[in-house]
């Protein structure tokens, strides 16, 4: 039972840190253009081939 007095505040602290990191990521526009990075993976090789020719 005594371990709960330690584990619950630690869990609450970790949740607060995770929420703070998520809010920072949203405010700094980390999630604005999610599809562009996926398309860059697909087309990255084609752009390199054009540069080498």
C-alpha atoms as a PDB file:
ATOM      1  CA  UNK A   1       0.000   0.000   0.000  1.00  0.00           C
ATOM      2  CA  UNK A   2       2.877   2.343   0.746  1.00  0.00           C
ATOM      3  CA  UNK A   3       4.155   1.920  -2.791  1.00  0.00           C
ATOM      4  CA  UNK A   4       0.929   3.459  -4.125  1.00  0.00           C
ATOM      5  CA  UNK A   5       1.773   6.686  -2.307  1.00  0.00           C
ATOM      6  CA  UNK A   6       4.906   6.857  -4.447  1.00  0.00           C
ATOM      7  CA  UNK A   7       3.628   5.397  -7.720  1.00  0.00           C
ATOM      8  CA  UNK A   8       0.479   7.511  -8.089  1.00  0.00           C
ATOM      9  CA  UNK A   9       2.277  10.899  -7.889  1.00  0.00           C
ATOM     10  CA  UNK A  10       4.955   9.614 -10.267  1.00  0.00           C
ATOM     11  CA  UNK A  11       2.267   8.503 -12.722  1.00  0.00           C
ATOM     12  CA  UNK A  12       0.496  11.864 -12.470  1.00  0.00           C
ATOM     13  CA  UNK A  13       3.796  13.656 -13.039  1.00  0.00           C
ATOM     14  CA  UNK A  14       4.553  11.556 -16.127  1.00  0.00           C
ATOM     15  CA  UNK A  15       1.095  12.247 -17.553  1.00  0.00           C
ATOM     16  CA  UNK A  16       1.595  15.978 -17.002  1.00  0.00           C
ATOM     17  CA  UNK A  17       4.963  15.834 -18.767  1.00  0.00           C
ATOM     18  CA  UNK A  18       3.451  13.916 -21.695  1.00  0.00           C
ATOM     19  CA  UNK A  19       0.610  16.437 -22.014  1.00  0.00           C
ATOM     20  CA  UNK A  20       3.085  19.330 -21.877  1.00  0.00           C
ATOM     21  CA  UNK A  21       5.205  17.773 -24.638  1.00  0.00           C
ATOM     22  CA  UNK A  22       2.108  17.157 -26.757  1.00  0.00           C
ATOM     23  CA  UNK A  23       0.921  20.752 -26.310  1.00  0.00           C
ATOM     24  CA  UNK A  24       4.384  22.043 -27.227  1.00  0.00           C
ATOM     25  CA  UNK A  25       4.358  19.921 -30.398  1.00  0.00           C
ATOM     26  CA  UNK A  26       0.931  21.231 -31.386  1.00  0.00           C
ATOM     27  CA  UNK A  27       1.865  24.862 -30.716  1.00  0.00           C
ATOM     28  CA  UNK A  28       5.111  24.551 -32.690  1.00  0.00           C
ATOM     29  CA  UNK A  29       3.125  23.151 -35.651  1.00  0.00           C
ATOM     30  CA  UNK A  30       4.746  19.710 -35.660  1.00  0.00           C
ATOM     31  CA  UNK A  31       1.478  18.158 -36.863  1.00  0.00           C
ATOM     32  CA  UNK A  32       0.600  20.659 -39.602  1.00  0.00           C
ATOM     33  CA  UNK A  33       1.606  18.680 -42.706  1.00  0.00           C
ATOM     34  CA  UNK A  34       1.698  14.971 -41.958  1.00  0.00           C
ATOM     35  CA  UNK A  35       1.233  13.744 -45.521  1.00  0.00           C
ATOM     36  CA  UNK A  36       4.201  15.609 -47.028  1.00  0.00           C
ATOM     37  CA  UNK A  37       6.741  13.477 -45.164  1.00  0.00           C
ATOM     38  CA  UNK A  38       5.044  10.302 -46.336  1.00  0.00           C
ATOM     39  CA  UNK A  39       5.168  11.481 -49.930  1.00  0.00           C
ATOM     40  CA  UNK A  40       8.813  12.534 -49.586  1.00  0.00           C
ATOM     41  CA  UNK A  41       9.723   8.947 -48.763  1.00  0.00           C
ATOM     42  CA  UNK A  42       8.099   7.725 -51.957  1.00  0.00           C
ATOM     43  CA  UNK A  43       9.554  10.380 -54.267  1.00  0.00           C
ATOM     44  CA  UNK A  44      12.974  10.873 -52.652  1.00  0.00           C
ATOM     45  CA  UNK A  45      14.690   8.206 -54.762  1.00  0.00           C
ATOM     46  CA  UNK A  46      13.341   9.630 -58.024  1.00  0.00           C
ATOM     47  CA  UNK A  47      14.750  13.086 -57.235  1.00  0.00           C
ATOM     48  CA  UNK A  48      18.197  11.646 -56.538  1.00  0.00           C
ATOM     49  CA  UNK A  49      18.183   9.746 -59.839  1.00  0.00           C
ATOM     50  CA  UNK A  50      17.497  12.974 -61.763  1.00  0.00           C
ATOM     51  CA  UNK A  51      20.436  14.699 -60.060  1.00  0.00           C
ATOM     52  CA  UNK A  52      22.879  11.941 -61.040  1.00  0.00           C
ATOM     53  CA  UNK A  53      21.964  11.927 -64.746  1.00  0.00           C
END
